[in-house]
Amino acid sequence: MNEENDFTYDEDEAVRFIRNYLPLEMKERFSDDDLLYFTDLIAEYYESKGFFDGADDDVVEIDEEEMIRYVVKNAGRDGVGRLTADEVTLIVQGELAYCESIRLFE
């Protein structure tokens, strides 16, 4: 991860970005607080993989399927509604697109 980007991740911007990424029916189903919860779970996933350890010369390879399983498992643990794999996939893809847009892992 590029150290210059350490503090460019803005949760409010990420939520707006993800909301714009989602299809209309999902925009109506998930509140901003819901999307913020998912960005927190995704951040936990990143931390569990050591992506924020400060080694800026490491190549970050994200296993999207593993991340989706992590989000589904932890959302279930926390009792956060019934989510389909497609819904979680779109939320995760939206978050990854946000990270790419701010060049977080470059």
PDB file of N, CA and C in Angstrom:
ATOM      1  N   MET A   1       0.846  -1.179   0.000  1.00  0.00           N
ATOM      2  CA  MET A   1       0.000   0.000   0.000  1.00  0.00           C
ATOM      3  C   MET A   1       0.884   1.231   0.000  1.00  0.00           C
ATOM      4  N   ASN A   2       0.497   2.189  -0.738  1.00  0.00           N
ATOM      5  CA  ASN A   2       1.237   3.440  -0.841  1.00  0.00           C
ATOM      6  C   ASN A   2       0.985   4.267   0.412  1.00  0.00           C
ATOM      7  N   GLU A   3       2.058   4.630   1.111  1.00  0.00           N
ATOM      8  CA  GLU A   3       1.898   5.373   2.363  1.00  0.00           C
ATOM      9  C   GLU A   3       1.218   6.723   2.146  1.00  0.00           C
ATOM     10  N   GLU A   4       1.364   7.312   0.967  1.00  0.00           N
ATOM     11  CA  GLU A   4       0.700   8.584   0.708  1.00  0.00           C
ATOM     12  C   GLU A   4      -0.813   8.444   0.803  1.00  0.00           C
ATOM     13  N   ASN A   5      -1.329   7.234   0.591  1.00  0.00           N
ATOM     14  CA  ASN A   5      -2.763   7.005   0.578  1.00  0.00           C
ATOM     15  C   ASN A   5      -3.311   6.515   1.911  1.00  0.00           C
ATOM     16  N   ASP A   6      -2.468   6.447   2.922  1.00  0.00           N
ATOM     17  CA  ASP A   6      -2.894   5.903   4.208  1.00  0.00           C
ATOM     18  C   ASP A   6      -4.142   6.571   4.762  1.00  0.00           C
ATOM     19  N   PHE A   7      -4.304   7.854   4.534  1.00  0.00           N
ATOM     20  CA  PHE A   7      -5.402   8.574   5.149  1.00  0.00           C
ATOM     21  C   PHE A   7      -6.401   9.121   4.134  1.00  0.00           C
ATOM     22  N   THR A   8      -6.374   8.598   2.904  1.00  0.00           N
ATOM     23  CA  THR A   8      -7.297   9.096   1.898  1.00  0.00           C
ATOM     24  C   THR A   8      -8.626   8.364   1.927  1.00  0.00           C
ATOM     25  N   TYR A   9      -8.725   7.258   2.653  1.00  0.00           N
ATOM     26  CA  TYR A   9      -9.978   6.512   2.719  1.00  0.00           C
ATOM     27  C   TYR A   9     -10.942   7.276   3.616  1.00  0.00           C
ATOM     28  N   ASP A  10     -12.022   7.702   3.038  1.00  0.00           N
ATOM     29  CA  ASP A  10     -13.035   8.454   3.768  1.00  0.00           C
ATOM     30  C   ASP A  10     -14.302   7.608   3.780  1.00  0.00           C
ATOM     31  N   GLU A  11     -14.738   7.207   4.978  1.00  0.00           N
ATOM     32  CA  GLU A  11     -15.892   6.313   5.088  1.00  0.00           C
ATOM     33  C   GLU A  11     -17.149   6.913   4.469  1.00  0.00           C
ATOM     34  N   ASP A  12     -17.371   8.207   4.652  1.00  0.00           N
ATOM     35  CA  ASP A  12     -18.557   8.837   4.078  1.00  0.00           C
ATOM     36  C   ASP A  12     -18.503   8.809   2.550  1.00  0.00           C
ATOM     37  N   GLU A  13     -17.328   9.089   2.000  1.00  0.00           N
ATOM     38  CA  GLU A  13     -17.166   9.022   0.552  1.00  0.00           C
ATOM     39  C   GLU A  13     -17.337   7.596   0.057  1.00  0.00           C
ATOM     40  N   ALA A  14     -16.802   6.637   0.809  1.00  0.00           N
ATOM     41  CA  ALA A  14     -16.936   5.233   0.425  1.00  0.00           C
ATOM     42  C   ALA A  14     -18.403   4.826   0.385  1.00  0.00           C
ATOM     43  N   VAL A  15     -19.176   5.238   1.377  1.00  0.00           N
ATOM     44  CA  VAL A  15     -20.600   4.912   1.417  1.00  0.00           C
ATOM     45  C   VAL A  15     -21.312   5.535   0.220  1.00  0.00           C
ATOM     46  N   ARG A  16     -21.014   6.791  -0.091  1.00  0.00           N
ATOM     47  CA  ARG A  16     -21.637   7.447  -1.255  1.00  0.00           C
ATOM     48  C   ARG A  16     -21.263   6.721  -2.547  1.00  0.00           C
ATOM     49  N   PHE A  17     -19.993   6.348  -2.645  1.00  0.00           N
ATOM     50  CA  PHE A  17     -19.509   5.662  -3.839  1.00  0.00           C
ATOM     51  C   PHE A  17     -20.218   4.317  -3.994  1.00  0.00           C
ATOM     52  N   ILE A  18     -20.286   3.549  -2.917  1.00  0.00           N
ATOM     53  CA  ILE A  18     -20.940   2.238  -2.965  1.00  0.00           C
ATOM     54  C   ILE A  18     -22.417   2.401  -3.307  1.00  0.00           C
ATOM     55  N   ARG A  19     -23.068   3.362  -2.683  1.00  0.00           N
ATOM     56  CA  ARG A  19     -24.493   3.602  -2.966  1.00  0.00           C
ATOM     57  C   ARG A  19     -24.694   3.872  -4.460  1.00  0.00           C
ATOM     58  N   ASN A  20     -23.847   4.684  -5.060  1.00  0.00           N
ATOM     59  CA  ASN A  20     -23.953   4.968  -6.493  1.00  0.00           C
ATOM     60  C   ASN A  20     -23.650   3.746  -7.346  1.00  0.00           C
ATOM     61  N   TYR A  21     -22.863   2.827  -6.822  1.00  0.00           N
ATOM     62  CA  TYR A  21     -22.472   1.619  -7.533  1.00  0.00           C
ATOM     63  C   TYR A  21     -23.617   0.594  -7.575  1.00  0.00           C
ATOM     64  N   LEU A  22     -24.465   0.623  -6.560  1.00  0.00           N
ATOM     65  CA  LEU A  22     -25.512  -0.387  -6.409  1.00  0.00           C
ATOM     66  C   LEU A  22     -26.692  -0.136  -7.337  1.00  0.00           C
ATOM     67  N   PRO A  23     -27.384  -1.235  -7.743  1.00  0.00           N
ATOM     68  CA  PRO A  23     -28.628  -1.072  -8.500  1.00  0.00           C
ATOM     69  C   PRO A  23     -29.709  -0.462  -7.604  1.00  0.00           C
ATOM     70  N   LEU A  24     -30.716   0.134  -8.226  1.00  0.00           N
ATOM     71  CA  LEU A  24     -31.754   0.880  -7.519  1.00  0.00           C
ATOM     72  C   LEU A  24     -32.392   0.089  -6.379  1.00  0.00           C
ATOM     73  N   GLU A  25     -32.750  -1.170  -6.619  1.00  0.00           N
ATOM     74  CA  GLU A  25     -33.419  -1.942  -5.565  1.00  0.00           C
ATOM     75  C   GLU A  25     -32.547  -2.134  -4.329  1.00  0.00           C
ATOM     76  N   MET A  26     -31.232  -2.191  -4.521  1.00  0.00           N
ATOM     77  CA  MET A  26     -30.337  -2.305  -3.366  1.00  0.00           C
ATOM     78  C   MET A  26     -30.135  -0.955  -2.693  1.00  0.00           C
ATOM     79  N   LYS A  27     -30.160   0.113  -3.461  1.00  0.00           N
ATOM     80  CA  LYS A  27     -30.029   1.448  -2.869  1.00  0.00           C
ATOM     81  C   LYS A  27     -31.161   1.684  -1.876  1.00  0.00           C
ATOM     82  N   GLU A  28     -32.331   1.176  -2.219  1.00  0.00           N
ATOM     83  CA  GLU A  28     -33.498   1.360  -1.359  1.00  0.00           C
ATOM     84  C   GLU A  28     -33.469   0.419  -0.155  1.00  0.00           C
ATOM     85  N   ARG A  29     -32.846  -0.723  -0.302  1.00  0.00           N
ATOM     86  CA  ARG A  29     -32.839  -1.724   0.771  1.00  0.00           C
ATOM     87  C   ARG A  29     -31.834  -1.411   1.874  1.00  0.00           C
ATOM     88  N   PHE A  30     -30.709  -0.829   1.515  1.00  0.00           N
ATOM     89  CA  PHE A  30     -29.626  -0.611   2.474  1.00  0.00           C
ATOM     90  C   PHE A  30     -29.488   0.870   2.821  1.00  0.00           C
ATOM     91  N   SER A  31     -29.474   1.161   4.116  1.00  0.00           N
ATOM     92  CA  SER A  31     -29.264   2.534   4.580  1.00  0.00           C
ATOM     93  C   SER A  31     -27.769   2.859   4.530  1.00  0.00           C
ATOM     94  N   ASP A  32     -27.450   4.121   4.711  1.00  0.00           N
ATOM     95  CA  ASP A  32     -26.046   4.514   4.800  1.00  0.00           C
ATOM     96  C   ASP A  32     -25.373   3.826   5.978  1.00  0.00           C
ATOM     97  N   ASP A  33     -26.094   3.668   7.088  1.00  0.00           N
ATOM     98  CA  ASP A  33     -25.532   2.969   8.251  1.00  0.00           C
ATOM     99  C   ASP A  33     -25.227   1.513   7.920  1.00  0.00           C
ATOM    100  N   ASP A  34     -26.100   0.865   7.141  1.00  0.00           N
ATOM    101  CA  ASP A  34     -25.840  -0.513   6.709  1.00  0.00           C
ATOM    102  C   ASP A  34     -24.554  -0.574   5.896  1.00  0.00           C
ATOM    103  N   LEU A  35     -24.425   0.335   4.944  1.00  0.00           N
ATOM    104  CA  LEU A  35     -23.241   0.330   4.085  1.00  0.00           C
ATOM    105  C   LEU A  35     -21.981   0.651   4.882  1.00  0.00           C
ATOM    106  N   LEU A  36     -22.108   1.535   5.862  1.00  0.00           N
ATOM    107  CA  LEU A  36     -20.976   1.836   6.735  1.00  0.00           C
ATOM    108  C   LEU A  36     -20.563   0.592   7.520  1.00  0.00           C
ATOM    109  N   TYR A  37     -21.546  -0.159   7.993  1.00  0.00           N
ATOM    110  CA  TYR A  37     -21.264  -1.416   8.694  1.00  0.00           C
ATOM    111  C   TYR A  37     -20.447  -2.350   7.786  1.00  0.00           C
ATOM    112  N   PHE A  38     -20.854  -2.461   6.516  1.00  0.00           N
ATOM    113  CA  PHE A  38     -20.136  -3.348   5.600  1.00  0.00           C
ATOM    114  C   PHE A  38     -18.733  -2.842   5.312  1.00  0.00           C
ATOM    115  N   THR A  39     -18.551  -1.530   5.207  1.00  0.00           N
ATOM    116  CA  THR A  39     -17.190  -1.021   5.001  1.00  0.00           C
ATOM    117  C   THR A  39     -16.322  -1.317   6.218  1.00  0.00           C
ATOM    118  N   ASP A  40     -16.922  -1.293   7.406  1.00  0.00           N
ATOM    119  CA  ASP A  40     -16.171  -1.654   8.617  1.00  0.00           C
ATOM    120  C   ASP A  40     -15.753  -3.118   8.581  1.00  0.00           C
ATOM    121  N   LEU A  41     -16.660  -3.998   8.148  1.00  0.00           N
ATOM    122  CA  LEU A  41     -16.317  -5.420   8.035  1.00  0.00           C
ATOM    123  C   LEU A  41     -15.204  -5.622   7.014  1.00  0.00           C
ATOM    124  N   ILE A  42     -15.282  -4.908   5.912  1.00  0.00           N
ATOM    125  CA  ILE A  42     -14.251  -5.035   4.887  1.00  0.00           C
ATOM    126  C   ILE A  42     -12.911  -4.539   5.420  1.00  0.00           C
ATOM    127  N   ALA A  43     -12.921  -3.460   6.192  1.00  0.00           N
ATOM    128  CA  ALA A  43     -11.684  -2.961   6.805  1.00  0.00           C
ATOM    129  C   ALA A  43     -11.111  -4.004   7.764  1.00  0.00           C
ATOM    130  N   GLU A  44     -11.988  -4.681   8.517  1.00  0.00           N
ATOM    131  CA  GLU A  44     -11.529  -5.764   9.394  1.00  0.00           C
ATOM    132  C   GLU A  44     -10.858  -6.859   8.576  1.00  0.00           C
ATOM    133  N   TYR A  45     -11.445  -7.175   7.430  1.00  0.00           N
ATOM    134  CA  TYR A  45     -10.853  -8.186   6.551  1.00  0.00           C
ATOM    135  C   TYR A  45      -9.460  -7.740   6.105  1.00  0.00           C
ATOM    136  N   TYR A  46      -9.349  -6.476   5.652  1.00  0.00           N
ATOM    137  CA  TYR A  46      -8.051  -5.959   5.220  1.00  0.00           C
ATOM    138  C   TYR A  46      -7.026  -6.064   6.346  1.00  0.00           C
ATOM    139  N   GLU A  47      -7.432  -5.684   7.540  1.00  0.00           N
ATOM    140  CA  GLU A  47      -6.523  -5.744   8.690  1.00  0.00           C
ATOM    141  C   GLU A  47      -6.117  -7.176   8.997  1.00  0.00           C
ATOM    142  N   SER A  48      -7.071  -8.114   8.904  1.00  0.00           N
ATOM    143  CA  SER A  48      -6.765  -9.516   9.196  1.00  0.00           C
ATOM    144  C   SER A  48      -5.754 -10.090   8.206  1.00  0.00           C
ATOM    145  N   LYS A  49      -5.687  -9.508   7.026  1.00  0.00           N
ATOM    146  CA  LYS A  49      -4.745  -9.943   5.992  1.00  0.00           C
ATOM    147  C   LYS A  49      -3.443  -9.146   6.021  1.00  0.00           C
ATOM    148  N   GLY A  50      -3.349  -8.163   6.924  1.00  0.00           N
ATOM    149  CA  GLY A  50      -2.119  -7.390   7.061  1.00  0.00           C
ATOM    150  C   GLY A  50      -1.926  -6.330   6.002  1.00  0.00           C
ATOM    151  N   PHE A  51      -3.008  -5.917   5.327  1.00  0.00           N
ATOM    152  CA  PHE A  51      -2.881  -4.939   4.262  1.00  0.00           C
ATOM    153  C   PHE A  51      -2.515  -3.550   4.772  1.00  0.00           C
ATOM    154  N   PHE A  52      -2.704  -3.298   6.048  1.00  0.00           N
ATOM    155  CA  PHE A  52      -2.416  -1.984   6.600  1.00  0.00           C
ATOM    156  C   PHE A  52      -1.202  -2.001   7.524  1.00  0.00           C
ATOM    157  N   ASP A  53      -0.319  -2.960   7.314  1.00  0.00           N
ATOM    158  CA  ASP A  53       0.848  -3.090   8.184  1.00  0.00           C
ATOM    159  C   ASP A  53       1.952  -2.080   7.881  1.00  0.00           C
ATOM    160  N   GLY A  54       1.779  -1.315   6.820  1.00  0.00           N
ATOM    161  CA  GLY A  54       2.760  -0.271   6.539  1.00  0.00           C
ATOM    162  C   GLY A  54       3.866  -0.667   5.600  1.00  0.00           C
ATOM    163  N   ALA A  55       3.884  -1.885   5.107  1.00  0.00           N
ATOM    164  CA  ALA A  55       4.912  -2.294   4.157  1.00  0.00           C
ATOM    165  C   ALA A  55       4.477  -1.849   2.767  1.00  0.00           C
ATOM    166  N   ASP A  56       5.016  -0.715   2.308  1.00  0.00           N
ATOM    167  CA  ASP A  56       4.527  -0.131   1.066  1.00  0.00           C
ATOM    168  C   ASP A  56       5.078  -0.791  -0.183  1.00  0.00           C
ATOM    169  N   ASP A  57       6.022  -1.707  -0.060  1.00  0.00           N
ATOM    170  CA  ASP A  57       6.544  -2.367  -1.249  1.00  0.00           C
ATOM    171  C   ASP A  57       5.869  -3.712  -1.494  1.00  0.00           C
ATOM    172  N   ASP A  58       4.958  -4.109  -0.628  1.00  0.00           N
ATOM    173  CA  ASP A  58       4.234  -5.364  -0.807  1.00  0.00           C
ATOM    174  C   ASP A  58       3.128  -5.194  -1.834  1.00  0.00           C
ATOM    175  N   VAL A  59       2.969  -6.222  -2.655  1.00  0.00           N
ATOM    176  CA  VAL A  59       1.869  -6.245  -3.604  1.00  0.00           C
ATOM    177  C   VAL A  59       0.641  -6.740  -2.859  1.00  0.00           C
ATOM    178  N   VAL A  60      -0.437  -6.004  -2.964  1.00  0.00           N
ATOM    179  CA  VAL A  60      -1.672  -6.379  -2.295  1.00  0.00           C
ATOM    180  C   VAL A  60      -2.521  -7.175  -3.273  1.00  0.00           C
ATOM    181  N   GLU A  61      -2.787  -8.417  -2.919  1.00  0.00           N
ATOM    182  CA  GLU A  61      -3.647  -9.261  -3.732  1.00  0.00           C
ATOM    183  C   GLU A  61      -4.863  -9.611  -2.896  1.00  0.00           C
ATOM    184  N   ILE A  62      -6.011  -9.148  -3.362  1.00  0.00           N
ATOM    185  CA  ILE A  62      -7.241  -9.355  -2.617  1.00  0.00           C
ATOM    186  C   ILE A  62      -8.020 -10.495  -3.250  1.00  0.00           C
ATOM    187  N   ASP A  63      -8.358 -11.477  -2.433  1.00  0.00           N
ATOM    188  CA  ASP A  63      -9.191 -12.592  -2.868  1.00  0.00           C
ATOM    189  C   ASP A  63     -10.644 -12.180  -2.641  1.00  0.00           C
ATOM    190  N   GLU A  64     -11.301 -11.751  -3.717  1.00  0.00           N
ATOM    191  CA  GLU A  64     -12.653 -11.218  -3.602  1.00  0.00           C
ATOM    192  C   GLU A  64     -13.626 -12.252  -3.031  1.00  0.00           C
ATOM    193  N   GLU A  65     -13.513 -13.493  -3.451  1.00  0.00           N
ATOM    194  CA  GLU A  65     -14.407 -14.543  -2.941  1.00  0.00           C
ATOM    195  C   GLU A  65     -14.216 -14.761  -1.440  1.00  0.00           C
ATOM    196  N   GLU A  66     -12.960 -14.737  -0.995  1.00  0.00           N
ATOM    197  CA  GLU A  66     -12.671 -14.883   0.428  1.00  0.00           C
ATOM    198  C   GLU A  66     -13.244 -13.706   1.217  1.00  0.00           C
ATOM    199  N   MET A  67     -13.116 -12.503   0.650  1.00  0.00           N
ATOM    200  CA  MET A  67     -13.646 -11.319   1.314  1.00  0.00           C
ATOM    201  C   MET A  67     -15.166 -11.414   1.426  1.00  0.00           C
ATOM    202  N   ILE A  68     -15.820 -11.873   0.378  1.00  0.00           N
ATOM    203  CA  ILE A  68     -17.275 -12.022   0.400  1.00  0.00           C
ATOM    204  C   ILE A  68     -17.687 -13.016   1.473  1.00  0.00           C
ATOM    205  N   ARG A  69     -16.997 -14.151   1.543  1.00  0.00           N
ATOM    206  CA  ARG A  69     -17.304 -15.140   2.592  1.00  0.00           C
ATOM    207  C   ARG A  69     -17.108 -14.541   3.980  1.00  0.00           C
ATOM    208  N   TYR A  70     -16.059 -13.748   4.159  1.00  0.00           N
ATOM    209  CA  TYR A  70     -15.782 -13.098   5.439  1.00  0.00           C
ATOM    210  C   TYR A  70     -16.929 -12.168   5.826  1.00  0.00           C
ATOM    211  N   VAL A  71     -17.390 -11.358   4.876  1.00  0.00           N
ATOM    212  CA  VAL A  71     -18.469 -10.408   5.148  1.00  0.00           C
ATOM    213  C   VAL A  71     -19.758 -11.151   5.483  1.00  0.00           C
ATOM    214  N   VAL A  72     -20.094 -12.174   4.696  1.00  0.00           N
ATOM    215  CA  VAL A  72     -21.319 -12.948   4.949  1.00  0.00           C
ATOM    216  C   VAL A  72     -21.264 -13.591   6.329  1.00  0.00           C
ATOM    217  N   LYS A  73     -20.148 -14.219   6.646  1.00  0.00           N
ATOM    218  CA  LYS A  73     -19.992 -14.910   7.931  1.00  0.00           C
ATOM    219  C   LYS A  73     -20.139 -13.931   9.100  1.00  0.00           C
ATOM    220  N   ASN A  74     -19.454 -12.806   9.026  1.00  0.00           N
ATOM    221  CA  ASN A  74     -19.464 -11.862  10.140  1.00  0.00           C
ATOM    222  C   ASN A  74     -20.776 -11.087  10.244  1.00  0.00           C
ATOM    223  N   ALA A  75     -21.409 -10.820   9.123  1.00  0.00           N
ATOM    224  CA  ALA A  75     -22.723 -10.173   9.166  1.00  0.00           C
ATOM    225  C   ALA A  75     -23.720 -11.124   9.825  1.00  0.00           C
ATOM    226  N   GLY A  76     -23.627 -12.416   9.507  1.00  0.00           N
ATOM    227  CA  GLY A  76     -24.487 -13.412  10.144  1.00  0.00           C
ATOM    228  C   GLY A  76     -24.224 -13.501  11.636  1.00  0.00           C
ATOM    229  N   ARG A  77     -22.965 -13.468  11.999  1.00  0.00           N
ATOM    230  CA  ARG A  77     -22.579 -13.503  13.413  1.00  0.00           C
ATOM    231  C   ARG A  77     -23.159 -12.326  14.168  1.00  0.00           C
ATOM    232  N   ASP A  78     -23.175 -11.174  13.505  1.00  0.00           N
ATOM    233  CA  ASP A  78     -23.668  -9.952  14.134  1.00  0.00           C
ATOM    234  C   ASP A  78     -25.187  -9.801  14.019  1.00  0.00           C
ATOM    235  N   GLY A  79     -25.830 -10.764  13.362  1.00  0.00           N
ATOM    236  CA  GLY A  79     -27.283 -10.725  13.235  1.00  0.00           C
ATOM    237  C   GLY A  79     -27.791  -9.651  12.289  1.00  0.00           C
ATOM    238  N   VAL A  80     -26.999  -9.336  11.274  1.00  0.00           N
ATOM    239  CA  VAL A  80     -27.383  -8.307  10.321  1.00  0.00           C
ATOM    240  C   VAL A  80     -28.134  -8.954   9.151  1.00  0.00           C
ATOM    241  N   GLY A  81     -29.445  -8.954   9.239  1.00  0.00           N
ATOM    242  CA  GLY A  81     -30.333  -9.413   8.171  1.00  0.00           C
ATOM    243  C   GLY A  81     -29.865 -10.587   7.350  1.00  0.00           C
ATOM    244  N   ARG A  82     -30.735 -11.003   6.493  1.00  0.00           N
ATOM    245  CA  ARG A  82     -30.421 -12.066   5.556  1.00  0.00           C
ATOM    246  C   ARG A  82     -29.919 -11.434   4.274  1.00  0.00           C
ATOM    247  N   LEU A  83     -28.713 -11.764   3.926  1.00  0.00           N
ATOM    248  CA  LEU A  83     -28.083 -11.200   2.741  1.00  0.00           C
ATOM    249  C   LEU A  83     -27.881 -12.284   1.697  1.00  0.00           C
ATOM    250  N   THR A  84     -28.099 -11.931   0.454  1.00  0.00           N
ATOM    251  CA  THR A  84     -27.781 -12.883  -0.603  1.00  0.00           C
ATOM    252  C   THR A  84     -26.323 -12.701  -0.989  1.00  0.00           C
ATOM    253  N   ALA A  85     -25.761 -13.742  -1.578  1.00  0.00           N
ATOM    254  CA  ALA A  85     -24.379 -13.658  -2.044  1.00  0.00           C
ATOM    255  C   ALA A  85     -24.241 -12.551  -3.087  1.00  0.00           C
ATOM    256  N   ASP A  86     -25.269 -12.375  -3.920  1.00  0.00           N
ATOM    257  CA  ASP A  86     -25.217 -11.314  -4.939  1.00  0.00           C
ATOM    258  C   ASP A  86     -25.172  -9.931  -4.309  1.00  0.00           C
ATOM    259  N   GLU A  87     -25.950  -9.726  -3.243  1.00  0.00           N
ATOM    260  CA  GLU A  87     -25.943  -8.425  -2.568  1.00  0.00           C
ATOM    261  C   GLU A  87     -24.575  -8.132  -1.974  1.00  0.00           C
ATOM    262  N   VAL A  88     -24.028  -9.106  -1.271  1.00  0.00           N
ATOM    263  CA  VAL A  88     -22.707  -8.912  -0.662  1.00  0.00           C
ATOM    264  C   VAL A  88     -21.659  -8.702  -1.743  1.00  0.00           C
ATOM    265  N   THR A  89     -21.764  -9.462  -2.822  1.00  0.00           N
ATOM    266  CA  THR A  89     -20.803  -9.321  -3.916  1.00  0.00           C
ATOM    267  C   THR A  89     -20.821  -7.904  -4.468  1.00  0.00           C
ATOM    268  N   LEU A  90     -22.001  -7.345  -4.691  1.00  0.00           N
ATOM    269  CA  LEU A  90     -22.085  -5.979  -5.222  1.00  0.00           C
ATOM    270  C   LEU A  90     -21.544  -4.944  -4.243  1.00  0.00           C
ATOM    271  N   ILE A  91     -21.810  -5.134  -2.959  1.00  0.00           N
ATOM    272  CA  ILE A  91     -21.281  -4.205  -1.953  1.00  0.00           C
ATOM    273  C   ILE A  91     -19.757  -4.283  -1.920  1.00  0.00           C
ATOM    274  N   VAL A  92     -19.219  -5.503  -1.916  1.00  0.00           N
ATOM    275  CA  VAL A  92     -17.760  -5.687  -1.901  1.00  0.00           C
ATOM    276  C   VAL A  92     -17.146  -5.108  -3.173  1.00  0.00           C
ATOM    277  N   GLN A  93     -17.756  -5.369  -4.324  1.00  0.00           N
ATOM    278  CA  GLN A  93     -17.225  -4.832  -5.572  1.00  0.00           C
ATOM    279  C   GLN A  93     -17.275  -3.305  -5.585  1.00  0.00           C
ATOM    280  N   GLY A  94     -18.324  -2.741  -5.002  1.00  0.00           N
ATOM    281  CA  GLY A  94     -18.410  -1.288  -4.897  1.00  0.00           C
ATOM    282  C   GLY A  94     -17.306  -0.725  -4.025  1.00  0.00           C
ATOM    283  N   GLU A  95     -17.035  -1.402  -2.924  1.00  0.00           N
ATOM    284  CA  GLU A  95     -15.972  -0.941  -2.024  1.00  0.00           C
ATOM    285  C   GLU A  95     -14.611  -1.072  -2.697  1.00  0.00           C
ATOM    286  N   LEU A  96     -14.390  -2.174  -3.407  1.00  0.00           N
ATOM    287  CA  LEU A  96     -13.127  -2.355  -4.127  1.00  0.00           C
ATOM    288  C   LEU A  96     -12.964  -1.293  -5.220  1.00  0.00           C
ATOM    289  N   ALA A  97     -14.062  -0.954  -5.888  1.00  0.00           N
ATOM    290  CA  ALA A  97     -14.007   0.095  -6.914  1.00  0.00           C
ATOM    291  C   ALA A  97     -13.661   1.443  -6.275  1.00  0.00           C
ATOM    292  N   TYR A  98     -14.208   1.692  -5.080  1.00  0.00           N
ATOM    293  CA  TYR A  98     -13.855   2.927  -4.372  1.00  0.00           C
ATOM    294  C   TYR A  98     -12.357   2.935  -4.061  1.00  0.00           C
ATOM    295  N   CYS A  99     -11.843   1.832  -3.521  1.00  0.00           N
ATOM    296  CA  CYS A  99     -10.409   1.755  -3.208  1.00  0.00           C
ATOM    297  C   CYS A  99      -9.560   1.996  -4.449  1.00  0.00           C
ATOM    298  N   GLU A 100      -9.997   1.432  -5.560  1.00  0.00           N
ATOM    299  CA  GLU A 100      -9.273   1.628  -6.811  1.00  0.00           C
ATOM    300  C   GLU A 100      -9.325   3.094  -7.235  1.00  0.00           C
ATOM    301  N   SER A 101     -10.490   3.726  -7.057  1.00  0.00           N
ATOM    302  CA  SER A 101     -10.645   5.121  -7.475  1.00  0.00           C
ATOM    303  C   SER A 101      -9.728   6.068  -6.701  1.00  0.00           C
ATOM    304  N   ILE A 102      -9.413   5.708  -5.457  1.00  0.00           N
ATOM    305  CA  ILE A 102      -8.511   6.557  -4.659  1.00  0.00           C
ATOM    306  C   ILE A 102      -7.090   5.998  -4.634  1.00  0.00           C
ATOM    307  N   ARG A 103      -6.889   4.915  -5.405  1.00  0.00           N
ATOM    308  CA  ARG A 103      -5.573   4.279  -5.530  1.00  0.00           C
ATOM    309  C   ARG A 103      -5.009   3.871  -4.176  1.00  0.00           C
ATOM    310  N   LEU A 104      -5.874   3.287  -3.349  1.00  0.00           N
ATOM    311  CA  LEU A 104      -5.501   2.941  -1.985  1.00  0.00           C
ATOM    312  C   LEU A 104      -4.381   1.926  -1.906  1.00  0.00           C
ATOM    313  N   PHE A 105      -4.395   0.937  -2.771  1.00  0.00           N
ATOM    314  CA  PHE A 105      -3.426  -0.149  -2.669  1.00  0.00           C
ATOM    315  C   PHE A 105      -2.298  -0.055  -3.684  1.00  0.00           C
ATOM    316  N   GLU A 106      -2.062   1.123  -4.214  1.00  0.00           N
ATOM    317  CA  GLU A 106      -0.953   1.294  -5.159  1.00  0.00           C
ATOM    318  C   GLU A 106       0.260   1.836  -4.463  1.00  0.00           C
TER     319      GLU A 106
END
